[in-house]
C-alpha atoms as a PDB file:
ATOM      1  CA  MET A   1      94.156 -61.633  14.120  1.00  0.00           C
ATOM      2  CA  ASN A   2      97.825 -60.687  14.529  1.00  0.00           C
ATOM      3  CA  LYS A   3      96.812 -57.571  16.509  1.00  0.00           C
ATOM      4  CA  ALA A   4      94.613 -59.653  18.805  1.00  0.00           C
ATOM      5  CA  LEU A   5      97.413 -62.167  19.329  1.00  0.00           C
ATOM      6  CA  PHE A   6      99.882 -59.344  20.072  1.00  0.00           C
ATOM      7  CA  ALA A   7      97.490 -57.776  22.599  1.00  0.00           C
ATOM      8  CA  ALA A   8      96.899 -61.113  24.270  1.00  0.00           C
ATOM      9  CA  SER A   9     100.661 -61.660  24.510  1.00  0.00           C
ATOM     10  CA  LEU A  10     101.158 -58.284  26.184  1.00  0.00           C
ATOM     11  CA  LEU A  11      98.394 -59.065  28.675  1.00  0.00           C
ATOM     12  CA  ALA A  12      99.972 -62.415  29.471  1.00  0.00           C
ATOM     13  CA  VAL A  13     103.375 -60.811  30.061  1.00  0.00           C
ATOM     14  CA  ALA A  14     101.803 -58.188  32.335  1.00  0.00           C
ATOM     15  CA  LEU A  15     100.055 -60.882  34.366  1.00  0.00           C
ATOM     16  CA  VAL A  16     103.158 -63.016  34.886  1.00  0.00           C
ATOM     17  CA  ALA A  17     105.645 -60.147  35.316  1.00  0.00           C
ATOM     18  CA  PRO A  18     106.729 -59.625  38.942  1.00  0.00           C
ATOM     19  CA  VAL A  19     105.301 -56.614  40.753  1.00  0.00           C
ATOM     20  CA  ALA A  20     107.964 -53.999  41.497  1.00  0.00           C
ATOM     21  CA  HIS A  21     107.983 -53.908  45.289  1.00  0.00           C
ATOM     22  CA  ALA A  22     109.606 -51.062  47.160  1.00  0.00           C
ATOM     23  CA  TYR A  23     111.485 -51.117  50.436  1.00  0.00           C
ATOM     24  CA  GLN A  24     111.613 -53.433  53.405  1.00  0.00           C
ATOM     25  CA  ALA A  25     113.626 -53.383  56.599  1.00  0.00           C
ATOM     26  CA  GLY A  26     117.235 -54.368  55.946  1.00  0.00           C
ATOM     27  CA  ASP A  27     117.352 -53.144  52.325  1.00  0.00           C
ATOM     28  CA  VAL A  28     120.430 -51.237  51.200  1.00  0.00           C
ATOM     29  CA  ILE A  29     119.916 -48.613  48.474  1.00  0.00           C
ATOM     30  CA  LEU A  30     122.539 -47.000  46.262  1.00  0.00           C
ATOM     31  CA  ARG A  31     121.565 -44.028  44.082  1.00  0.00           C
ATOM     32  CA  ALA A  32     123.757 -42.143  41.614  1.00  0.00           C
ATOM     33  CA  GLY A  33     123.120 -39.232  39.283  1.00  0.00           C
ATOM     34  CA  ALA A  34     123.737 -35.596  38.449  1.00  0.00           C
ATOM     35  CA  ILE A  35     123.638 -33.291  41.474  1.00  0.00           C
ATOM     36  CA  THR A  36     123.624 -29.488  41.371  1.00  0.00           C
ATOM     37  CA  VAL A  37     124.474 -27.177  44.266  1.00  0.00           C
ATOM     38  CA  ASP A  38     122.818 -23.803  43.648  1.00  0.00           C
ATOM     39  CA  PRO A  39     123.855 -21.270  46.339  1.00  0.00           C
ATOM     40  CA  HIS A  40     121.289 -18.675  47.411  1.00  0.00           C
ATOM     41  CA  GLU A  41     123.875 -16.770  49.363  1.00  0.00           C
ATOM     42  CA  LYS A  42     123.172 -13.919  51.744  1.00  0.00           C
ATOM     43  CA  SER A  43     126.409 -12.057  52.282  1.00  0.00           C
ATOM     44  CA  GLY A  44     127.239  -9.625  55.019  1.00  0.00           C
ATOM     45  CA  ASP A  45     129.190  -6.468  54.211  1.00  0.00           C
ATOM     46  CA  ILE A  46     132.861  -7.017  53.455  1.00  0.00           C
ATOM     47  CA  ASP A  47     134.830  -6.090  56.587  1.00  0.00           C
ATOM     48  CA  HIS A  48     138.232  -4.436  56.050  1.00  0.00           C
ATOM     49  CA  ALA A  49     140.630  -4.205  59.009  1.00  0.00           C
ATOM     50  CA  VAL A  50     141.183  -0.469  58.390  1.00  0.00           C
ATOM     51  CA  LEU A  51     138.084   0.699  56.505  1.00  0.00           C
ATOM     52  CA  GLY A  52     135.629  -1.295  58.604  1.00  0.00           C
ATOM     53  CA  LYS A  53     132.474  -2.704  57.020  1.00  0.00           C
ATOM     54  CA  VAL A  54     131.936  -1.438  53.478  1.00  0.00           C
ATOM     55  CA  ASP A  55     128.194  -0.781  53.040  1.00  0.00           C
ATOM     56  CA  GLY A  56     126.652  -2.585  50.070  1.00  0.00           C
ATOM     57  CA  SER A  57     129.668  -4.793  49.362  1.00  0.00           C
ATOM     58  CA  LYS A  58     129.121  -8.532  49.107  1.00  0.00           C
ATOM     59  CA  ALA A  59     130.653 -11.895  48.253  1.00  0.00           C
ATOM     60  CA  THR A  60     129.095 -14.139  45.598  1.00  0.00           C
ATOM     61  CA  LEU A  61     129.215 -17.844  44.699  1.00  0.00           C
ATOM     62  CA  ASP A  62     128.180 -19.588  41.485  1.00  0.00           C
ATOM     63  CA  SER A  63     126.530 -23.014  40.965  1.00  0.00           C
ATOM     64  CA  ASP A  64     128.126 -26.341  40.070  1.00  0.00           C
ATOM     65  CA  THR A  65     127.021 -29.833  38.990  1.00  0.00           C
ATOM     66  CA  GLN A  66     128.829 -33.043  39.926  1.00  0.00           C
ATOM     67  CA  LEU A  67     128.269 -36.783  40.378  1.00  0.00           C
ATOM     68  CA  GLY A  68     125.991 -37.351  43.369  1.00  0.00           C
ATOM     69  CA  LEU A  69     125.767 -40.530  45.440  1.00  0.00           C
ATOM     70  CA  ASN A  70     123.214 -41.641  48.063  1.00  0.00           C
ATOM     71  CA  PHE A  71     123.715 -44.581  50.389  1.00  0.00           C
ATOM     72  CA  ALA A  72     120.658 -45.636  52.390  1.00  0.00           C
ATOM     73  CA  TYR A  73     119.772 -48.368  54.870  1.00  0.00           C
ATOM     74  CA  MET A  74     116.151 -49.191  55.682  1.00  0.00           C
ATOM     75  CA  VAL A  75     115.730 -49.492  59.449  1.00  0.00           C
ATOM     76  CA  THR A  76     112.029 -50.390  59.013  1.00  0.00           C
ATOM     77  CA  ASN A  77     109.775 -50.691  55.959  1.00  0.00           C
ATOM     78  CA  ASN A  78     109.132 -46.936  56.105  1.00  0.00           C
ATOM     79  CA  ILE A  79     112.162 -45.370  57.795  1.00  0.00           C
ATOM     80  CA  GLY A  80     115.690 -45.226  56.468  1.00  0.00           C
ATOM     81  CA  VAL A  81     119.050 -43.644  57.271  1.00  0.00           C
ATOM     82  CA  GLU A  82     120.697 -41.951  54.297  1.00  0.00           C
ATOM     83  CA  LEU A  83     124.123 -40.471  53.550  1.00  0.00           C
ATOM     84  CA  LEU A  84     124.555 -37.956  50.738  1.00  0.00           C
ATOM     85  CA  ALA A  85     127.974 -37.838  49.084  1.00  0.00           C
ATOM     86  CA  ALA A  86     129.356 -36.380  45.852  1.00  0.00           C
ATOM     87  CA  THR A  87     132.490 -35.646  43.917  1.00  0.00           C
ATOM     88  CA  PRO A  88     133.937 -32.244  44.959  1.00  0.00           C
ATOM     89  CA  PHE A  89     131.988 -29.157  43.939  1.00  0.00           C
ATOM     90  CA  SER A  90     133.886 -26.177  42.491  1.00  0.00           C
ATOM     91  CA  HIS A  91     132.672 -22.587  42.848  1.00  0.00           C
ATOM     92  CA  ASP A  92     133.931 -19.200  41.752  1.00  0.00           C
ATOM     93  CA  VAL A  93     134.016 -16.615  44.540  1.00  0.00           C
ATOM     94  CA  GLY A  94     133.321 -13.006  43.568  1.00  0.00           C
ATOM     95  CA  VAL A  95     133.256  -9.525  45.066  1.00  0.00           C
ATOM     96  CA  LYS A  96     130.672  -6.891  44.168  1.00  0.00           C
ATOM     97  CA  GLY A  97     129.443  -3.567  45.481  1.00  0.00           C
ATOM     98  CA  MET A  98     132.824  -2.083  46.347  1.00  0.00           C
ATOM     99  CA  PRO A  99     132.345   1.690  45.863  1.00  0.00           C
ATOM    100  CA  GLY A 100     134.316   4.610  44.456  1.00  0.00           C
ATOM    101  CA  ALA A 101     138.067   4.181  44.476  1.00  0.00           C
ATOM    102  CA  TYR A 102     137.640   0.520  45.480  1.00  0.00           C
ATOM    103  CA  ALA A 103     135.372  -0.411  42.573  1.00  0.00           C
ATOM    104  CA  GLY A 104     138.363  -1.959  40.830  1.00  0.00           C
ATOM    105  CA  LEU A 105     138.329  -4.716  43.449  1.00  0.00           C
ATOM    106  CA  ASN A 106     134.969  -5.994  42.164  1.00  0.00           C
ATOM    107  CA  GLY A 107     135.015  -9.148  40.072  1.00  0.00           C
ATOM    108  CA  LYS A 108     136.299 -12.683  40.535  1.00  0.00           C
ATOM    109  CA  LEU A 109     138.166 -13.094  43.816  1.00  0.00           C
ATOM    110  CA  GLY A 110     139.073 -16.757  43.488  1.00  0.00           C
ATOM    111  CA  SER A 111     137.706 -20.284  43.601  1.00  0.00           C
ATOM    112  CA  LEU A 112     137.098 -23.040  46.110  1.00  0.00           C
ATOM    113  CA  LYS A 113     136.047 -26.668  46.355  1.00  0.00           C
ATOM    114  CA  HIS A 114     133.794 -28.254  48.917  1.00  0.00           C
ATOM    115  CA  LEU A 115     132.263 -31.557  49.977  1.00  0.00           C
ATOM    116  CA  PRO A 116     128.881 -31.510  51.772  1.00  0.00           C
ATOM    117  CA  PRO A 117     128.294 -34.972  53.342  1.00  0.00           C
ATOM    118  CA  THR A 118     124.790 -35.026  54.813  1.00  0.00           C
ATOM    119  CA  LEU A 119     123.311 -37.678  57.113  1.00  0.00           C
ATOM    120  CA  SER A 120     119.503 -37.822  57.192  1.00  0.00           C
ATOM    121  CA  LEU A 121     116.605 -39.757  58.636  1.00  0.00           C
ATOM    122  CA  VAL A 122     114.128 -40.430  55.817  1.00  0.00           C
ATOM    123  CA  TYR A 123     110.437 -41.375  55.960  1.00  0.00           C
ATOM    124  CA  TYR A 124     108.575 -43.228  53.166  1.00  0.00           C
ATOM    125  CA  PRO A 125     104.799 -43.031  53.763  1.00  0.00           C
ATOM    126  CA  MET A 126     103.640 -45.410  51.026  1.00  0.00           C
ATOM    127  CA  ASP A 127     102.971 -49.125  51.309  1.00  0.00           C
ATOM    128  CA  THR A 128     105.865 -51.394  50.303  1.00  0.00           C
ATOM    129  CA  LYS A 129     103.825 -52.681  47.328  1.00  0.00           C
ATOM    130  CA  SER A 130     103.644 -49.231  45.746  1.00  0.00           C
ATOM    131  CA  ALA A 131     106.057 -48.648  42.857  1.00  0.00           C
ATOM    132  CA  PHE A 132     105.873 -44.891  43.522  1.00  0.00           C
ATOM    133  CA  GLN A 133     107.725 -43.979  46.708  1.00  0.00           C
ATOM    134  CA  PRO A 134     107.771 -40.295  47.731  1.00  0.00           C
ATOM    135  CA  TYR A 135     109.768 -39.443  50.839  1.00  0.00           C
ATOM    136  CA  VAL A 136     110.788 -36.642  53.181  1.00  0.00           C
ATOM    137  CA  GLY A 137     113.890 -36.379  55.300  1.00  0.00           C
ATOM    138  CA  ALA A 138     115.833 -34.230  57.725  1.00  0.00           C
ATOM    139  CA  GLY A 139     119.366 -34.404  59.015  1.00  0.00           C
ATOM    140  CA  ILE A 140     122.704 -32.745  59.620  1.00  0.00           C
ATOM    141  CA  ASN A 141     125.316 -31.481  57.180  1.00  0.00           C
ATOM    142  CA  TYR A 142     129.048 -30.914  57.456  1.00  0.00           C
ATOM    143  CA  THR A 143     130.593 -28.861  54.649  1.00  0.00           C
ATOM    144  CA  TRP A 144     134.352 -29.066  54.196  1.00  0.00           C
ATOM    145  CA  PHE A 145     135.891 -26.239  52.165  1.00  0.00           C
ATOM    146  CA  PHE A 146     139.295 -26.847  50.623  1.00  0.00           C
ATOM    147  CA  ASP A 147     141.588 -25.883  47.746  1.00  0.00           C
ATOM    148  CA  ASP A 148     140.761 -22.181  48.281  1.00  0.00           C
ATOM    149  CA  LYS A 149     142.640 -20.126  45.667  1.00  0.00           C
ATOM    150  CA  LEU A 150     142.838 -16.499  44.668  1.00  0.00           C
ATOM    151  CA  SER A 151     142.518 -15.650  40.998  1.00  0.00           C
ATOM    152  CA  SER A 152     145.511 -14.076  39.254  1.00  0.00           C
ATOM    153  CA  GLU A 153     143.362 -10.951  38.738  1.00  0.00           C
ATOM    154  CA  ALA A 154     142.769 -10.675  42.493  1.00  0.00           C
ATOM    155  CA  GLU A 155     146.448 -11.146  43.261  1.00  0.00           C
ATOM    156  CA  SER A 156     147.302  -8.386  40.781  1.00  0.00           C
ATOM    157  CA  LYS A 157     144.972  -6.083  42.751  1.00  0.00           C
ATOM    158  CA  GLY A 158     146.850  -6.730  45.990  1.00  0.00           C
ATOM    159  CA  PHE A 159     144.896  -9.623  47.544  1.00  0.00           C
ATOM    160  CA  SER A 160     146.783 -12.469  49.205  1.00  0.00           C
ATOM    161  CA  GLY A 161     145.535 -15.773  50.639  1.00  0.00           C
ATOM    162  CA  LEU A 162     141.981 -17.120  50.774  1.00  0.00           C
ATOM    163  CA  ASP A 163     140.423 -19.248  53.491  1.00  0.00           C
ATOM    164  CA  MET A 164     136.835 -20.469  53.963  1.00  0.00           C
ATOM    165  CA  LYS A 165     135.643 -21.770  57.340  1.00  0.00           C
ATOM    166  CA  ASP A 166     134.005 -25.219  57.434  1.00  0.00           C
ATOM    167  CA  SER A 167     130.330 -25.405  58.383  1.00  0.00           C
ATOM    168  CA  TRP A 168     127.860 -27.512  60.385  1.00  0.00           C
ATOM    169  CA  GLY A 169     124.149 -27.091  59.671  1.00  0.00           C
ATOM    170  CA  LEU A 170     120.726 -28.688  59.315  1.00  0.00           C
ATOM    171  CA  ALA A 171     119.331 -30.091  56.071  1.00  0.00           C
ATOM    172  CA  GLY A 172     115.878 -31.028  54.776  1.00  0.00           C
ATOM    173  CA  GLN A 173     114.776 -32.887  51.671  1.00  0.00           C
ATOM    174  CA  VAL A 174     111.873 -34.174  49.613  1.00  0.00           C
ATOM    175  CA  GLY A 175     112.217 -36.787  46.909  1.00  0.00           C
ATOM    176  CA  MET A 176     110.680 -39.669  45.055  1.00  0.00           C
ATOM    177  CA  ASP A 177     111.645 -43.082  43.737  1.00  0.00           C
ATOM    178  CA  TYR A 178     109.785 -44.944  41.022  1.00  0.00           C
ATOM    179  CA  MET A 179     110.510 -48.679  40.995  1.00  0.00           C
ATOM    180  CA  LEU A 180     111.165 -49.898  37.459  1.00  0.00           C
ATOM    181  CA  THR A 181     111.872 -53.444  38.699  1.00  0.00           C
ATOM    182  CA  ASP A 182     112.224 -55.004  42.136  1.00  0.00           C
ATOM    183  CA  ASN A 183     115.752 -53.591  42.276  1.00  0.00           C
ATOM    184  CA  ILE A 184     116.084 -50.640  39.894  1.00  0.00           C
ATOM    185  CA  MET A 185     114.485 -47.226  40.404  1.00  0.00           C
ATOM    186  CA  LEU A 186     114.311 -43.720  39.012  1.00  0.00           C
ATOM    187  CA  ASN A 187     115.064 -41.009  41.565  1.00  0.00           C
ATOM    188  CA  ALA A 188     114.573 -37.252  41.886  1.00  0.00           C
ATOM    189  CA  GLN A 189     115.223 -35.180  45.007  1.00  0.00           C
ATOM    190  CA  VAL A 190     115.506 -31.606  46.262  1.00  0.00           C
ATOM    191  CA  ARG A 191     117.361 -30.517  49.398  1.00  0.00           C
ATOM    192  CA  TYR A 192     117.883 -27.342  51.345  1.00  0.00           C
ATOM    193  CA  ILE A 193     121.129 -27.175  53.325  1.00  0.00           C
ATOM    194  CA  ASP A 194     122.058 -24.589  55.940  1.00  0.00           C
ATOM    195  CA  ILE A 195     125.700 -23.681  55.191  1.00  0.00           C
ATOM    196  CA  ASP A 196     127.270 -20.692  56.949  1.00  0.00           C
ATOM    197  CA  THR A 197     130.903 -19.737  56.401  1.00  0.00           C
ATOM    198  CA  THR A 198     133.361 -16.895  56.836  1.00  0.00           C
ATOM    199  CA  GLY A 199     135.773 -16.047  54.045  1.00  0.00           C
ATOM    200  CA  THR A 200     139.092 -14.428  54.928  1.00  0.00           C
ATOM    201  CA  THR A 201     141.736 -12.836  52.705  1.00  0.00           C
ATOM    202  CA  HIS A 202     144.232  -9.954  52.929  1.00  0.00           C
ATOM    203  CA  LEU A 203     144.401  -6.773  50.872  1.00  0.00           C
ATOM    204  CA  ALA A 204     147.787  -5.052  50.852  1.00  0.00           C
ATOM    205  CA  GLY A 205     148.532  -6.816  54.155  1.00  0.00           C
ATOM    206  CA  ASP A 206     145.279  -5.831  55.881  1.00  0.00           C
ATOM    207  CA  LYS A 207     142.780  -8.540  56.873  1.00  0.00           C
ATOM    208  CA  VAL A 208     139.514  -8.686  54.941  1.00  0.00           C
ATOM    209  CA  LYS A 209     136.650 -10.985  55.914  1.00  0.00           C
ATOM    210  CA  VAL A 210     133.007 -11.573  55.077  1.00  0.00           C
ATOM    211  CA  ASP A 211     130.269 -13.748  56.592  1.00  0.00           C
ATOM    212  CA  VAL A 212     128.211 -15.667  54.038  1.00  0.00           C
ATOM    213  CA  ASP A 213     125.039 -17.742  54.477  1.00  0.00           C
ATOM    214  CA  VAL A 214     125.460 -20.007  51.445  1.00  0.00           C
ATOM    215  CA  ASP A 215     122.158 -21.877  52.025  1.00  0.00           C
ATOM    216  CA  PRO A 216     122.031 -23.776  48.713  1.00  0.00           C
ATOM    217  CA  TRP A 217     119.189 -25.647  47.079  1.00  0.00           C
ATOM    218  CA  VAL A 218     120.520 -29.023  45.969  1.00  0.00           C
ATOM    219  CA  TYR A 219     118.905 -30.885  43.070  1.00  0.00           C
ATOM    220  CA  MET A 220     119.600 -34.496  42.026  1.00  0.00           C
ATOM    221  CA  VAL A 221     118.203 -36.833  39.378  1.00  0.00           C
ATOM    222  CA  GLY A 222     119.467 -40.329  38.676  1.00  0.00           C
ATOM    223  CA  LEU A 223     119.021 -44.058  39.040  1.00  0.00           C
ATOM    224  CA  GLY A 224     119.144 -46.316  42.057  1.00  0.00           C
ATOM    225  CA  TYR A 225     119.658 -49.973  42.890  1.00  0.00           C
ATOM    226  CA  LYS A 226     118.243 -51.862  45.865  1.00  0.00           C
ATOM    227  CA  PHE A 227     120.333 -54.671  47.322  1.00  0.00           C
END
């Protein structure tokens, strides 16, 4: 009897509970969560002012996770404009592949920080009554590199100064929201961002530079709120 009463109560709650509707024109959406930038860098050969390009030498970058933020405005029920923001990402910059007498230059070169604000147009194909809302988007990215520093190990090897050029590039994304209530959602998203930069330093007074296609995959999971 108690089980039947409990089941009937659950059914009654389900029937009277509001349906979690998704987006409509004019909605403002804020998402927050953990965001990881995972570089899949393609580095050119390191170019020394005297030695020229050193075959097989490369620059490397590691991954980092920070607080990610999305701000979106729904222009129609199915199309939105979205801005990706985050707290600054920090990456170690390395050197590898230096041959022979220059092998001692391999290792950690320094570190940098960057911010990758990305503005996208996003399309949601599902009906507004669907709690599950997959989406795709495309847009433009500006990556600002700052706080470029050499490691003490690099300085001891004769390096001085480190500078990374800012980047403009295209970005694409896929993602999904699942509406828990009319206002609260779970979110997961994956982006690919075209980031190209040139790193410059000096070794014993001679200029050293390298072109790097950073091209990271960017992963984010979190919660969102619809206003």
